[in-house]
N, C-alpha and C. Protein backbone atom coordinates (compact mmCIF):
# COMPACT_ATOMS: atom_id res chain seq x y z
N ILE A 1 111.50 -113.04 -110.79
CA ILE A 1 111.16 -112.48 -111.80
C ILE A 1 110.26 -113.11 -112.55
N ARG A 2 110.48 -114.85 -112.22
CA ARG A 2 109.32 -115.16 -112.59
C ARG A 2 108.10 -115.28 -111.70
N HIS A 3 108.05 -114.65 -110.83
CA HIS A 3 106.73 -114.99 -110.01
C HIS A 3 106.42 -113.54 -110.34
N ASP A 4 107.19 -112.50 -110.76
CA ASP A 4 106.47 -111.13 -110.95
C ASP A 4 105.57 -111.47 -112.04
N SER A 5 106.13 -112.57 -113.44
CA SER A 5 105.91 -112.72 -115.01
C SER A 5 104.80 -113.50 -114.67
N ALA A 6 104.28 -114.15 -113.79
CA ALA A 6 103.29 -115.21 -113.57
C ALA A 6 101.97 -114.23 -112.22
N ASP A 7 102.61 -113.25 -111.81
CA ASP A 7 101.21 -112.58 -111.24
C ASP A 7 101.01 -111.47 -112.37
N ILE A 8 101.87 -111.33 -113.49
CA ILE A 8 101.44 -110.22 -113.96
C ILE A 8 100.54 -111.09 -114.72
N ARG A 9 101.08 -112.22 -115.68
CA ARG A 9 99.85 -112.86 -116.27
C ARG A 9 98.32 -113.05 -115.70
N HIS A 10 98.26 -113.52 -114.74
CA HIS A 10 97.41 -113.71 -113.68
C HIS A 10 96.97 -112.59 -113.62
N ASP A 11 97.29 -111.64 -113.22
CA ASP A 11 96.42 -110.14 -113.48
C ASP A 11 96.06 -109.42 -114.93
N ARG A 12 96.83 -110.07 -115.80
CA ARG A 12 96.37 -109.86 -117.03
C ARG A 12 94.79 -110.92 -117.81
N ALA A 13 95.23 -112.21 -116.78
CA ALA A 13 93.73 -112.91 -116.77
C ALA A 13 92.64 -112.58 -116.12
N ASP A 14 92.68 -111.96 -115.31
CA ASP A 14 91.67 -111.58 -113.85
C ASP A 14 90.89 -110.24 -115.13
N ILE A 15 92.26 -109.51 -115.44
CA ILE A 15 91.26 -108.40 -116.42
C ILE A 15 90.46 -108.66 -117.51
N ARG A 16 90.68 -110.05 -118.62
CA ARG A 16 90.11 -109.96 -119.18
C ARG A 16 88.91 -110.82 -119.02
N HIS A 17 88.79 -111.45 -117.81
CA HIS A 17 87.68 -112.13 -117.19
C HIS A 17 86.48 -110.88 -116.83
N ASP A 18 87.53 -110.19 -116.18
CA ASP A 18 86.14 -108.80 -115.74
C ASP A 18 86.24 -107.86 -116.42
N SER A 19 86.57 -107.80 -117.96
CA SER A 19 86.27 -107.21 -119.04
C SER A 19 84.76 -107.99 -119.99
N ALA A 20 85.53 -109.23 -119.69
CA ALA A 20 84.26 -110.37 -120.64
C ALA A 20 82.94 -110.55 -119.26
N ASP A 21 83.25 -110.37 -117.97
CA ASP A 21 82.38 -110.03 -117.00
C ASP A 21 81.03 -109.02 -116.91
N ILE A 22 81.63 -107.86 -117.70
CA ILE A 22 81.19 -106.43 -117.66
C ILE A 22 80.54 -106.24 -118.94
N ARG A 23 81.01 -107.02 -120.15
CA ARG A 23 80.56 -107.31 -121.63
C ARG A 23 79.03 -107.86 -121.54
N HIS A 24 79.10 -109.02 -120.50
CA HIS A 24 78.02 -110.17 -119.99
C HIS A 24 76.90 -109.02 -119.72
N ASP A 25 77.15 -108.55 -118.74
CA ASP A 25 76.50 -107.44 -117.88
C ASP A 25 75.83 -107.02 -118.64
N ARG A 26 76.77 -105.96 -119.43
CA ARG A 26 76.27 -104.92 -120.20
C ARG A 26 75.14 -105.83 -121.10
N ALA A 27 75.16 -106.81 -121.80
CA ALA A 27 74.53 -107.36 -122.70
C ALA A 27 73.62 -108.21 -121.98
N ASP A 28 73.57 -108.28 -120.48
CA ASP A 28 72.17 -108.27 -119.88
C ASP A 28 71.04 -107.21 -119.42
N ILE A 29 72.25 -105.78 -119.81
CA ILE A 29 71.10 -105.24 -119.52
C ILE A 29 70.27 -104.24 -120.43
N ARG A 30 71.19 -104.71 -121.83
CA ARG A 30 70.39 -104.47 -123.32
C ARG A 30 69.02 -105.50 -123.10
N HIS A 31 69.27 -106.75 -122.83
CA HIS A 31 68.71 -107.66 -123.20
C HIS A 31 67.02 -107.42 -121.77
N ASP A 32 67.41 -106.79 -120.57
CA ASP A 32 66.89 -106.84 -119.65
C ASP A 32 65.58 -104.97 -120.25
N ARG A 33 66.59 -104.43 -120.91
CA ARG A 33 65.90 -103.24 -121.24
C ARG A 33 64.42 -103.29 -122.74
N ALA A 34 65.36 -104.79 -123.44
CA ALA A 34 64.15 -105.05 -124.47
C ALA A 34 63.23 -105.66 -123.84
N ASP A 35 63.42 -106.35 -122.86
CA ASP A 35 62.58 -107.24 -122.30
C ASP A 35 61.29 -106.10 -121.33
N ILE A 36 62.18 -105.11 -121.36
CA ILE A 36 60.68 -104.39 -120.70
C ILE A 36 60.06 -103.51 -121.89
N ARG A 37 60.61 -103.05 -122.81
CA ARG A 37 60.25 -102.26 -124.22
C ARG A 37 59.15 -103.32 -124.26
N HIS A 38 59.61 -104.82 -124.73
CA HIS A 38 58.27 -105.46 -124.78
C HIS A 38 57.13 -105.82 -124.35
N ASP A 39 57.37 -106.15 -122.84
CA ASP A 39 56.77 -106.17 -121.78
C ASP A 39 55.30 -105.06 -121.70
N ARG A 40 56.13 -103.67 -121.91
CA ARG A 40 55.50 -102.26 -121.83
C ARG A 40 54.68 -101.96 -123.54
N ALA A 41 54.95 -103.15 -124.73
CA ALA A 41 54.35 -103.04 -126.05
C ALA A 41 53.02 -103.95 -125.72
N ASP A 42 53.47 -104.66 -124.92
CA ASP A 42 52.68 -105.98 -124.54
C ASP A 42 51.21 -105.15 -124.10
N ILE A 43 51.86 -104.31 -122.72
CA ILE A 43 50.78 -103.53 -122.28
C ILE A 43 50.13 -102.53 -123.19
N ARG A 44 50.76 -102.26 -123.81
CA ARG A 44 49.65 -101.19 -124.42
C ARG A 44 48.92 -101.81 -125.56
N HIS A 45 49.17 -103.31 -125.89
CA HIS A 45 48.34 -103.61 -126.49
C HIS A 45 47.05 -104.14 -125.76
N ASP A 46 47.62 -105.00 -124.69
CA ASP A 46 46.65 -105.48 -123.52
C ASP A 46 45.19 -104.13 -124.06
N ARG A 47 46.17 -103.19 -123.54
CA ARG A 47 44.61 -101.94 -123.08
C ARG A 47 44.29 -101.16 -124.50
N ALA A 48 44.75 -102.07 -126.01
CA ALA A 48 43.93 -101.58 -126.98
C ALA A 48 42.76 -102.21 -127.27
N ASP A 49 43.29 -103.65 -126.50
CA ASP A 49 42.10 -104.86 -126.77
C ASP A 49 41.51 -104.53 -126.46
N ILE A 50 41.15 -103.94 -124.52
CA ILE A 50 40.61 -103.98 -123.93
C ILE A 50 39.69 -102.91 -124.35
N ARG A 51 39.82 -101.92 -124.74
CA ARG A 51 39.52 -100.54 -125.18
C ARG A 51 38.12 -101.23 -126.39
N HIS A 52 39.36 -102.31 -127.38
CA HIS A 52 38.25 -102.30 -128.38
C HIS A 52 37.37 -103.42 -128.23
N ASP A 53 37.67 -104.52 -126.57
CA ASP A 53 36.12 -105.09 -126.21
C ASP A 53 35.63 -103.94 -125.77
N ARG A 54 35.55 -102.91 -125.33
CA ARG A 54 34.84 -102.15 -124.30
C ARG A 54 33.90 -101.34 -125.26
N ALA A 55 34.15 -101.14 -126.48
CA ALA A 55 33.48 -100.56 -128.10
C ALA A 55 32.50 -101.50 -128.21
N ASP A 56 33.01 -102.84 -128.64
CA ASP A 56 32.21 -103.88 -129.15
C ASP A 56 31.14 -104.28 -127.69
N ILE A 57 31.30 -104.55 -127.19
CA ILE A 57 30.06 -104.60 -125.98
C ILE A 57 29.43 -103.18 -125.60
N ARG A 58 29.68 -101.84 -125.67
CA ARG A 58 28.82 -100.67 -126.28
C ARG A 58 28.03 -101.04 -127.65
N HIS A 59 29.01 -101.45 -128.42
CA HIS A 59 28.04 -101.73 -129.85
C HIS A 59 27.08 -102.37 -129.83
N ASP A 60 27.42 -104.02 -128.71
CA ASP A 60 26.22 -104.55 -128.62
C ASP A 60 24.98 -104.57 -128.00
N SER A 61 25.15 -103.70 -126.98
CA SER A 61 24.67 -103.64 -126.10
C SER A 61 23.47 -102.77 -126.77
N ALA A 62 23.61 -101.67 -127.62
CA ALA A 62 23.27 -100.36 -128.68
C ALA A 62 22.34 -101.25 -129.45
N ASP A 63 22.76 -102.80 -129.65
CA ASP A 63 22.26 -103.11 -130.85
C ASP A 63 20.83 -104.23 -129.93
N ILE A 64 21.21 -104.22 -128.92
CA ILE A 64 19.96 -104.95 -128.72
C ILE A 64 19.02 -103.88 -127.94
N ARG A 65 19.37 -102.99 -127.74
CA ARG A 65 18.30 -101.99 -126.89
C ARG A 65 17.49 -101.39 -128.46
N HIS A 66 18.25 -101.83 -129.78
CA HIS A 66 17.35 -101.43 -131.28
C HIS A 66 16.71 -103.12 -131.48
N ASP A 67 17.50 -103.65 -131.03
CA ASP A 67 16.43 -105.15 -131.03
C ASP A 67 15.28 -104.39 -130.43
N ARG A 68 15.19 -104.59 -129.35
CA ARG A 68 14.40 -104.74 -128.86
C ARG A 68 13.31 -103.43 -128.21
N ALA A 69 13.84 -102.38 -129.28
CA ALA A 69 12.85 -101.29 -129.62
C ALA A 69 11.33 -101.86 -130.84
N ASP A 70 12.40 -102.81 -132.12
CA ASP A 70 11.75 -102.98 -132.86
C ASP A 70 10.85 -104.29 -132.49
N ILE A 71 11.63 -104.80 -131.51
CA ILE A 71 10.30 -105.79 -130.92
C ILE A 71 8.62 -104.95 -130.82
N ARG A 72 8.68 -104.18 -129.40
CA ARG A 72 8.12 -102.99 -128.95
C ARG A 72 7.35 -103.10 -130.57
N HIS A 73 7.83 -102.19 -131.72
CA HIS A 73 7.44 -101.16 -132.32
C HIS A 73 6.61 -102.77 -133.20
N ASP A 74 6.91 -104.25 -132.97
CA ASP A 74 6.24 -104.86 -134.11
C ASP A 74 5.13 -105.42 -133.40
N ARG A 75 5.29 -105.37 -132.30
CA ARG A 75 4.38 -105.54 -131.23
C ARG A 75 2.82 -104.93 -130.89
N ALA A 76 3.07 -103.50 -130.92
CA ALA A 76 2.30 -102.59 -131.28
C ALA A 76 2.34 -102.66 -132.70
N ASP A 77 2.38 -102.28 -134.11
CA ASP A 77 2.23 -103.54 -135.30
C ASP A 77 1.18 -104.08 -135.36
N ILE A 78 1.58 -104.90 -134.64
CA ILE A 78 0.41 -106.14 -133.91
C ILE A 78 -0.97 -105.99 -133.49
N ARG A 79 -0.62 -105.11 -132.09
CA ARG A 79 -2.02 -104.70 -131.61
C ARG A 79 -2.50 -103.92 -132.55
N HIS A 80 -2.63 -102.98 -133.29
CA HIS A 80 -3.24 -102.55 -134.23
C HIS A 80 -4.20 -102.63 -135.18
N ASP A 81 -3.01 -104.00 -135.81
CA ASP A 81 -3.51 -104.96 -136.55
C ASP A 81 -4.59 -105.32 -136.07
N SER A 82 -4.77 -106.15 -134.93
CA SER A 82 -5.64 -107.30 -134.55
C SER A 82 -6.50 -106.02 -134.31
N ALA A 83 -6.56 -104.65 -133.61
CA ALA A 83 -7.29 -103.77 -133.77
C ALA A 83 -8.18 -104.01 -134.74
N ASP A 84 -7.81 -103.47 -136.03
CA ASP A 84 -8.36 -103.24 -137.05
C ASP A 84 -9.52 -104.21 -137.56
N ILE A 85 -8.43 -105.17 -137.05
CA ILE A 85 -9.45 -106.62 -137.86
C ILE A 85 -10.70 -106.63 -137.21
N ARG A 86 -10.21 -106.53 -135.26
CA ARG A 86 -11.81 -106.46 -134.69
C ARG A 86 -12.54 -105.61 -135.20
N HIS A 87 -12.51 -104.10 -135.28
CA HIS A 87 -13.61 -103.40 -136.14
C HIS A 87 -14.00 -103.42 -137.86
N ASP A 88 -12.99 -104.38 -138.34
CA ASP A 88 -13.52 -104.92 -139.74
C ASP A 88 -14.63 -105.65 -139.59
N ARG A 89 -14.46 -106.71 -138.25
CA ARG A 89 -15.34 -107.91 -137.71
C ARG A 89 -16.60 -107.10 -137.48
N ALA A 90 -16.81 -106.20 -136.72
CA ALA A 90 -17.61 -105.75 -136.12
C ALA A 90 -18.12 -105.05 -137.40
N ASP A 91 -18.04 -104.43 -138.07
CA ASP A 91 -18.63 -103.55 -139.33
C ASP A 91 -19.27 -104.54 -140.14
N ILE A 92 -18.86 -105.57 -139.98
CA ILE A 92 -19.25 -106.98 -141.37
C ILE A 92 -20.78 -107.36 -140.46
N ARG A 93 -20.96 -107.96 -139.13
CA ARG A 93 -21.38 -108.09 -138.10
C ARG A 93 -23.17 -107.10 -137.57
N ARG A 94 -22.06 -105.48 -138.09
CA ARG A 94 -23.52 -105.05 -137.95
C ARG A 94 -24.24 -104.73 -138.60
N PRO A 95 -26.08 -104.89 -138.50
CA PRO A 95 -26.74 -104.64 -140.19
C PRO A 95 -26.19 -103.59 -140.55
N GLN A 96 -26.04 -103.33 -141.70
CA GLN A 96 -26.09 -102.23 -142.47
C GLN A 96 -27.42 -101.24 -142.69
N LEU A 97 -27.02 -99.66 -142.43
CA LEU A 97 -28.23 -99.12 -142.78
C LEU A 97 -28.66 -98.93 -143.72
N CYS A 98 -29.82 -98.61 -144.70
CA CYS A 98 -30.04 -98.93 -146.60
C CYS A 98 -30.53 -97.48 -146.55
N SER A 99 -30.01 -96.75 -147.31
CA SER A 99 -30.46 -95.18 -147.15
C SER A 99 -31.92 -95.37 -148.91
N VAL A 100 -32.78 -94.84 -148.36
CA VAL A 100 -34.27 -95.46 -149.18
C VAL A 100 -34.42 -93.66 -149.75
N THR A 101 -34.20 -93.41 -150.81
CA THR A 101 -34.91 -92.44 -151.88
C THR A 101 -36.22 -92.28 -152.37
N VAL A 102 -36.86 -92.23 -151.53
CA VAL A 102 -38.20 -91.60 -152.13
C VAL A 102 -38.30 -91.07 -153.21
N THR A 103 -39.11 -91.64 -154.77
CA THR A 103 -38.94 -90.21 -155.73
C THR A 103 -40.21 -89.87 -155.41
C-alpha cells in the first residue's frame, strides 16, 4: 500500500509538472505570437518609411528640375538683357540722323 501511495504521489507530481510545462509552452506560444505581431508591425512601419523616403526623393527631384529650369530662364534673361545692352550701345555709337525742316 505504501508503494501504491508513493506511486500515486509521484504520478500527481508528474501531472503537476506536466501541467506546468503545458502552461509554460502556452506562454511561449503567446510570446511568439506577440513577437510575430510586433515583427509584422515593424515591417509595415519600415515599408511606410520606404514609401515616404521615395516620395521625398521624388519631391527633391522635382525641386531640382524646377531649380534647373529657373537657372535656364535666368540665363536666358541675362542673354536677352546683354543683347539689349549691346543694341543700346550700338544705338549710342551710331550717328543720329537729323531731320531738318526747311521753312
